[in-house]
Protein backbone atom coordinates (compact mmCIF):
# COMPACT_ATOMS: atom_id res chain seq x y z
CA MET A 1 -26.00 -24.32 17.80
CA LYS A 2 -22.72 -25.83 18.89
CA LYS A 3 -18.88 -23.71 18.64
CA GLN A 4 -16.94 -24.82 15.68
CA VAL A 5 -14.02 -26.25 17.12
CA THR A 6 -10.76 -24.16 16.11
CA ILE A 7 -6.98 -24.41 15.66
CA LYS A 8 -6.77 -21.48 17.80
CA ASP A 9 -9.42 -23.60 20.60
CA ILE A 10 -6.65 -26.74 20.77
CA ALA A 11 -3.54 -24.51 21.14
CA GLU A 12 -5.17 -22.41 23.58
CA LYS A 13 -5.34 -25.91 25.69
CA LEU A 14 -2.58 -27.11 25.06
CA GLY A 15 -0.48 -23.69 25.46
CA LEU A 16 1.26 -24.15 22.56
CA SER A 17 0.96 -21.53 19.34
CA VAL A 18 -1.95 -21.38 16.44
CA SER A 19 1.48 -22.28 13.96
CA THR A 20 2.90 -25.32 16.15
CA ILE A 21 -0.85 -26.74 15.99
CA SER A 22 -1.52 -26.09 12.64
CA ARG A 23 1.96 -28.24 11.52
CA ALA A 24 1.30 -30.79 14.41
CA LEU A 25 -1.80 -31.52 12.58
CA LYS A 26 -0.10 -31.53 9.21
CA ASP A 27 2.62 -34.21 10.34
CA HIS A 28 5.62 -31.39 9.89
CA PRO A 29 8.79 -32.76 10.99
CA ASP A 30 9.86 -29.89 13.04
CA ILE A 31 6.87 -30.94 15.50
CA SER A 32 8.05 -33.59 18.27
CA LEU A 33 6.44 -36.77 17.69
CA LYS A 34 4.87 -36.65 21.13
CA THR A 35 3.33 -32.98 20.22
CA ARG A 36 1.73 -34.24 17.21
CA GLU A 37 -0.20 -37.17 19.12
CA ALA A 38 -1.09 -35.13 21.80
CA VAL A 39 -2.54 -32.20 19.52
CA LYS A 40 -3.81 -35.48 17.47
CA GLU A 41 -5.63 -36.61 20.77
CA LEU A 42 -6.80 -33.48 21.65
CA ALA A 43 -8.39 -32.88 17.82
CA ASN A 44 -10.45 -35.82 18.26
CA LEU A 45 -11.54 -35.39 21.77
CA LEU A 46 -12.82 -31.59 20.89
CA GLY A 47 -14.48 -32.76 17.62
CA TYR A 48 -11.87 -30.94 15.58
CA LYS A 49 -12.35 -30.50 11.60
CA PRO A 50 -10.28 -28.40 9.39
CA ASN A 51 -11.78 -25.95 7.27
CA LEU A 52 -11.20 -27.83 4.17
CA ILE A 53 -11.90 -24.43 1.84
CA ALA A 54 -9.35 -22.78 3.64
CA LEU A 55 -6.52 -25.31 3.51
CA ASN A 56 -7.11 -25.49 -0.21
CA LEU A 57 -6.12 -21.89 -0.12
CA LYS A 58 -3.61 -21.81 1.98
CA ASN A 59 -1.81 -24.72 -0.15
CA SER A 60 -1.92 -22.74 -3.50
CA LYS A 61 -1.45 -19.66 -4.73
CA THR A 62 -3.62 -17.45 -7.69
CA ASN A 63 -1.97 -14.26 -7.83
CA THR A 64 -5.80 -13.24 -6.42
CA ILE A 65 -7.10 -10.94 -3.21
CA GLY A 66 -10.61 -10.85 -2.08
CA LEU A 67 -11.96 -6.90 -0.58
CA LEU A 68 -14.79 -6.92 1.12
CA ILE A 69 -15.88 -3.96 1.59
CA PRO A 70 -19.44 -2.69 3.51
CA GLU A 71 -20.65 -0.25 0.73
CA THR A 72 -19.45 1.80 -2.79
CA GLN A 73 -22.06 4.32 -2.60
CA HIS A 74 -19.12 6.76 -0.31
CA TYR A 75 -16.98 8.34 -2.03
CA PHE A 76 -14.05 7.09 0.82
CA PHE A 77 -14.59 3.32 0.17
CA SER A 78 -14.31 3.88 -3.76
CA THR A 79 -10.94 5.48 -2.92
CA ILE A 80 -10.29 2.75 -1.27
CA ILE A 81 -10.53 0.84 -3.74
CA ASN A 82 -8.75 2.91 -6.17
CA GLY A 83 -5.93 2.35 -4.09
CA ILE A 84 -5.92 -1.07 -3.55
CA GLU A 85 -6.33 -2.02 -6.84
CA GLU A 86 -2.83 0.36 -7.71
CA VAL A 87 -0.52 -1.75 -5.95
CA ALA A 88 -2.65 -5.01 -6.68
CA TYR A 89 -1.93 -4.35 -10.60
CA GLU A 90 1.43 -3.41 -9.97
CA ASN A 91 2.22 -6.63 -7.96
CA ASN A 92 0.22 -8.80 -10.52
CA TYR A 93 -2.52 -9.85 -8.43
CA ASN A 94 -5.75 -9.35 -9.23
CA VAL A 95 -8.61 -7.82 -7.27
CA MET A 96 -11.96 -9.64 -6.57
CA VAL A 97 -14.67 -7.57 -4.56
CA PHE A 98 -17.33 -8.38 -2.53
CA GLN A 99 -20.03 -5.80 -1.36
CA SER A 100 -22.13 -6.10 2.54
CA ASN A 101 -24.22 -3.46 2.10
CA GLU A 102 -23.78 -3.32 5.83
CA SER A 103 -25.18 -6.70 6.12
CA TYR A 104 -23.91 -9.41 8.44
CA MET A 105 -25.65 -12.35 7.36
CA ARG A 106 -24.67 -11.29 3.04
CA GLU A 107 -20.76 -10.39 4.75
CA VAL A 108 -20.51 -14.43 6.35
CA LEU A 109 -21.97 -15.55 2.88
CA ASN A 110 -19.63 -12.99 1.27
CA THR A 111 -16.33 -14.44 3.48
CA GLN A 112 -17.35 -17.79 2.11
CA THR A 113 -18.14 -17.51 -1.10
CA VAL A 114 -14.40 -15.27 -1.36
CA LEU A 115 -12.55 -18.22 0.30
CA SER A 116 -14.04 -20.65 -2.12
CA ASN A 117 -12.56 -18.85 -4.91
CA ARG A 118 -9.30 -19.16 -3.63
CA VAL A 119 -7.84 -16.32 -3.30
CA ASP A 120 -4.28 -16.08 -1.73
CA GLY A 121 -5.92 -13.15 1.16
CA LEU A 122 -8.52 -10.46 1.98
CA LEU A 123 -8.89 -7.09 3.26
CA ILE A 124 -11.71 -6.59 5.00
CA SER A 125 -13.78 -3.80 6.36
CA PHE A 126 -16.52 -5.46 8.27
CA SER A 127 -20.63 -3.75 7.74
CA LYS A 128 -22.05 -1.93 10.90
CA GLU A 129 -24.14 -4.88 12.06
CA THR A 130 -20.95 -7.37 12.44
CA HIS A 131 -20.65 -7.72 16.76
CA ASP A 132 -19.65 -11.70 16.12
CA PHE A 133 -16.16 -11.60 13.81
CA SER A 134 -16.35 -15.67 13.98
CA HIS A 135 -15.98 -16.51 10.16
CA PHE A 136 -13.01 -13.69 10.06
CA GLN A 137 -11.28 -16.16 12.57
CA GLN A 138 -12.13 -19.05 10.68
CA ILE A 139 -10.03 -17.67 8.15
CA ILE A 140 -6.75 -16.43 10.39
CA ASP A 141 -7.18 -19.82 11.98
CA ASN A 142 -6.13 -21.45 8.74
CA GLU A 143 -3.09 -19.57 8.56
CA ILE A 144 -4.42 -17.57 6.00
CA PRO A 145 -4.04 -13.68 5.48
CA LEU A 146 -5.90 -10.79 6.56
CA VAL A 147 -5.93 -6.90 6.62
CA PHE A 148 -8.75 -5.22 8.25
CA TYR A 149 -9.20 -1.62 6.84
CA ASP A 150 -10.75 1.51 7.80
CA ARG A 151 -13.17 -0.01 10.28
CA ILE A 152 -11.02 -2.56 12.46
CA VAL A 153 -10.28 -5.88 15.01
CA LYS A 154 -7.79 -5.07 17.31
CA THR A 155 -8.48 -8.05 19.38
CA MET A 156 -8.01 -10.41 17.30
CA HIS A 157 -4.19 -11.73 14.99
CA ALA A 158 -4.51 -9.60 12.27
CA ASP A 159 -3.12 -6.07 10.92
CA THR A 160 -5.00 -2.99 10.54
CA VAL A 161 -4.93 0.30 8.71
CA SER A 162 -7.35 2.84 9.54
CA VAL A 163 -7.53 6.75 9.73
CA ASP A 164 -6.42 9.07 12.78
CA ASP A 165 -10.08 9.90 13.57
CA TYR A 166 -9.70 10.77 17.08
CA SER A 167 -7.43 13.44 15.68
CA GLY A 168 -9.39 14.37 12.72
CA ALA A 169 -12.82 14.58 15.25
CA PHE A 170 -10.55 16.87 17.09
CA GLN A 171 -9.49 19.19 14.74
CA ALA A 172 -12.91 19.15 13.06
CA VAL A 173 -14.37 20.43 16.63
CA SER A 174 -11.77 22.73 17.42
CA HIS A 175 -12.56 24.57 14.51
CA LEU A 176 -15.84 25.14 15.07
CA ALA A 177 -15.20 25.93 18.30
CA GLU A 178 -12.52 28.59 16.85
CA ARG A 179 -15.13 30.06 14.67
CA GLY A 180 -17.71 31.40 17.76
CA CYS A 181 -19.60 28.67 18.22
CA LYS A 182 -20.71 27.60 21.45
CA ARG A 183 -23.49 24.58 20.99
CA ILE A 184 -21.78 21.96 18.72
CA ALA A 185 -23.53 19.27 17.57
CA ILE A 186 -22.33 15.73 16.06
CA TYR A 187 -23.81 13.18 14.12
CA SER A 188 -22.24 10.14 15.31
CA ALA A 189 -21.32 6.57 14.05
CA PRO A 190 -22.46 3.53 15.79
CA GLN A 191 -20.50 3.45 19.04
CA HIS A 192 -19.54 -0.35 18.87
CA LEU A 193 -17.10 0.33 16.45
CA LEU A 194 -13.86 2.13 16.78
CA ILE A 195 -14.48 4.67 14.40
CA GLY A 196 -18.01 6.07 15.91
CA GLN A 197 -15.93 6.09 19.45
CA ASN A 198 -12.70 7.90 18.16
CA ARG A 199 -14.68 10.45 16.93
CA LEU A 200 -16.71 11.01 20.02
CA LYS A 201 -14.10 11.32 21.71
CA GLY A 202 -12.20 13.60 19.70
CA TYR A 203 -15.44 15.69 19.97
CA LYS A 204 -15.80 15.63 23.50
CA ASP A 205 -11.85 16.57 24.36
CA ALA A 206 -12.45 19.44 21.54
CA LEU A 207 -14.77 20.70 23.96
CA GLU A 208 -13.23 20.57 26.37
CA GLU A 209 -10.32 22.61 25.28
CA HIS A 210 -12.30 25.20 24.82
CA GLY A 211 -14.48 25.83 27.49
CA LEU A 212 -17.70 24.18 25.77
CA LYS A 213 -19.96 22.20 27.86
CA TYR A 214 -20.51 18.26 26.68
CA THR A 215 -24.19 17.19 26.14
CA SER A 216 -25.81 14.47 25.48
CA ASP A 217 -28.30 16.57 23.64
CA LEU A 218 -25.78 17.70 20.83
CA VAL A 219 -25.12 13.73 19.76
CA TYR A 220 -27.35 12.03 17.66
CA SER A 221 -26.74 8.76 16.04
CA CYS A 222 -27.07 10.19 12.05
CA ASP A 223 -24.90 8.38 9.79
CA THR A 224 -26.50 8.04 6.53
CA TYR A 225 -27.94 11.37 4.55
CA GLN A 226 -31.43 9.47 4.75
CA ASP A 227 -31.04 9.55 8.51
CA SER A 228 -30.19 13.60 8.32
CA ILE A 229 -33.40 14.35 6.50
CA LYS A 230 -35.18 13.05 9.36
CA ILE A 231 -33.17 14.21 12.30
CA SER A 232 -32.51 17.62 10.72
CA ARG A 233 -35.96 18.30 10.91
CA SER A 234 -36.31 18.05 14.67
CA VAL A 235 -33.15 19.18 15.75
CA PHE A 236 -33.29 22.60 14.33
CA LYS A 237 -36.42 23.54 15.32
CA LYS A 238 -34.98 23.39 18.85
CA ARG A 239 -34.70 26.51 20.44
CA ASP A 240 -31.43 26.05 21.85
CA LYS A 241 -30.63 24.91 18.11
CA PRO A 242 -26.79 23.75 17.65
CA ASP A 243 -24.74 26.71 15.62
CA GLY A 244 -22.27 24.48 14.73
CA LEU A 245 -22.14 20.93 13.14
CA PHE A 246 -19.95 17.95 12.96
CA THR A 247 -20.61 15.26 10.93
CA VAL A 248 -19.48 11.15 10.41
CA ASN A 249 -19.54 11.82 6.88
CA ASP A 250 -19.81 14.29 3.84
CA MET A 251 -23.70 12.68 2.44
CA THR A 252 -24.69 13.01 6.64
CA ALA A 253 -23.50 17.12 6.17
CA LEU A 254 -25.73 17.60 3.47
CA GLY A 255 -28.78 15.82 4.10
CA ALA A 256 -28.17 18.64 7.16
CA MET A 257 -27.97 21.31 5.05
CA LYS A 258 -30.40 20.36 2.46
CA ILE A 259 -32.57 20.53 5.82
CA ALA A 260 -30.96 24.11 6.84
CA ARG A 261 -31.61 25.99 3.74
CA GLN A 262 -35.33 24.22 3.67
CA LEU A 263 -35.40 25.80 7.33
CA GLY A 264 -34.50 29.41 6.74
CA ILE A 265 -31.01 28.72 8.43
CA SER A 266 -27.92 30.98 6.62
CA ILE A 267 -24.90 28.67 6.51
CA PRO A 268 -22.30 29.85 7.57
CA ASP A 269 -24.04 32.47 9.20
CA GLU A 270 -26.31 30.96 11.31
CA LEU A 271 -25.23 27.76 11.44
CA LYS A 272 -21.50 25.88 10.23
CA VAL A 273 -21.00 22.89 9.71
CA VAL A 274 -17.79 20.02 8.89
CA GLY A 275 -18.40 17.26 7.11
CA PHE A 276 -15.65 14.05 7.71
CA GLU A 277 -14.26 12.41 3.88
CA ASN A 278 -13.54 15.22 1.43
CA SER A 279 -15.40 13.77 -1.27
CA LEU A 280 -16.38 15.53 -5.10
CA SER A 281 -19.77 16.58 -3.45
CA ALA A 282 -17.75 18.80 -0.77
CA SER A 283 -16.59 20.77 -3.68
CA ILE A 284 -19.33 21.07 -5.56
CA CYS A 285 -22.38 21.86 -3.04
CA ASP A 286 -23.35 25.73 -2.13
CA PRO A 287 -21.91 26.64 -0.11
CA GLU A 288 -18.59 24.01 -0.51
CA LEU A 289 -18.20 21.96 2.59
CA THR A 290 -15.63 21.98 5.11
CA THR A 291 -14.25 18.30 5.63
CA VAL A 292 -12.13 16.43 7.40
CA ASP A 293 -9.88 14.61 4.73
CA GLN A 294 -9.09 10.62 5.07
CA PHE A 295 -6.34 9.89 2.64
CA GLY A 296 -8.92 6.93 1.63
CA PHE A 297 -6.30 6.18 -1.80
CA GLU A 298 -3.11 6.25 0.31
CA LEU A 299 -5.40 3.81 3.17
CA GLY A 300 -5.50 1.60 0.28
CA LYS A 301 -2.57 1.26 -0.79
CA LYS A 302 -1.12 0.84 2.64
CA ALA A 303 -3.30 -1.92 3.59
CA THR A 304 -2.56 -3.56 0.68
CA LYS A 305 1.00 -3.66 0.23
CA LEU A 306 0.74 -4.94 4.19
CA LEU A 307 -1.43 -7.67 2.97
CA LEU A 308 1.51 -9.14 -0.27
CA LYS A 309 3.82 -8.76 2.28
CA ARG A 310 1.66 -11.45 4.62
CA ILE A 311 1.24 -13.43 1.37
CA LYS A 312 5.23 -12.93 0.42
CA ASN A 313 6.43 -14.33 4.35
CA ASP A 314 4.18 -16.75 4.25
CA THR A 315 3.84 -17.45 8.17
CA HIS A 316 1.60 -16.99 10.94
CA ASP A 317 4.07 -16.33 13.38
CA TYR A 318 4.30 -12.39 13.83
CA LYS A 319 3.69 -9.33 15.33
CA PRO A 320 0.28 -7.66 14.10
CA GLU A 321 1.04 -3.61 12.20
CA HIS A 322 -1.57 -1.55 12.95
CA LEU A 323 -0.96 1.56 10.86
CA LEU A 324 -2.72 5.17 10.89
CA ILE A 325 -3.61 7.54 8.28
CA LYS A 326 -3.33 11.11 9.01
CA THR A 327 -5.80 13.20 8.63
CA GLN A 328 -5.71 17.46 7.73
CA LEU A 329 -9.07 19.52 7.94
CA ILE A 330 -10.43 21.27 4.74
CA GLU A 331 -11.42 24.67 5.23
CA ARG A 332 -14.60 25.96 2.91
CA GLY A 333 -17.56 28.07 3.24
CA THR A 334 -19.42 26.59 5.48
CA THR A 335 -17.37 27.33 7.83
């Protein structure tokens, strides 16, 4: 399938900024006639066609922002939505929510639907299946404000707001080591996601800091309750089973705890567990789950304030901001 030519492609070939190309195509008087003619000539040669939906969106304000979210079942994402809606409400903006359900194809369709509904900007956390970000680049090329939150892409011209995943993982694994754990396993997120990479690095560095050897035998790709149930049955039956477990989210931790109980493994005496989320479930399970608070409500607020700032300034010529939310270890009964 032939790749659609974008404003960015024209800008790169002519050595000009995206905003200059955009203004030239619109015959903006600030752009010289010579430049306008060169831009239009190359655009015709390359077969460039403007995204009419995006251009309409750019030229009219609706006081509505689009929100793309991977899933709503996790407490973390629900708190993010609450933070987003609070700031939006205070600024007289409506929020249009779309869930990808961790599907790339559904995410692409959601993106087009959001655009056709004429939103003023987008808040995006992409799906686990997403490796191609061209549907987001199309938004950026048409100068529509976009902010990535939680699951971010730093290679694109867009603001980001994310959790300090490295620090959170380092705290969690250090806590397990300081409680006497010698074989600490990790149930990790997919490694094409920055959150997966950063948490695994935090895990490795914490082991090294406490004189514990890293071994790939203790690293498992597992980030859902259902997968945790399946994997834990074999993990906890091994002769050299782990005595500590750090999981990518609280539901994954709860799945592991359920299997541990079924196998007669005492928590925290024989197995200590730390989650990552600080969900409501963490404080009502037995024993209560030690976990890392991600402060999703604060993350949602910061992402929305950043997006509204971009909408208000109405310019594509800005240096993207990358905000980091600090985490906090919440010690409870599982350690």
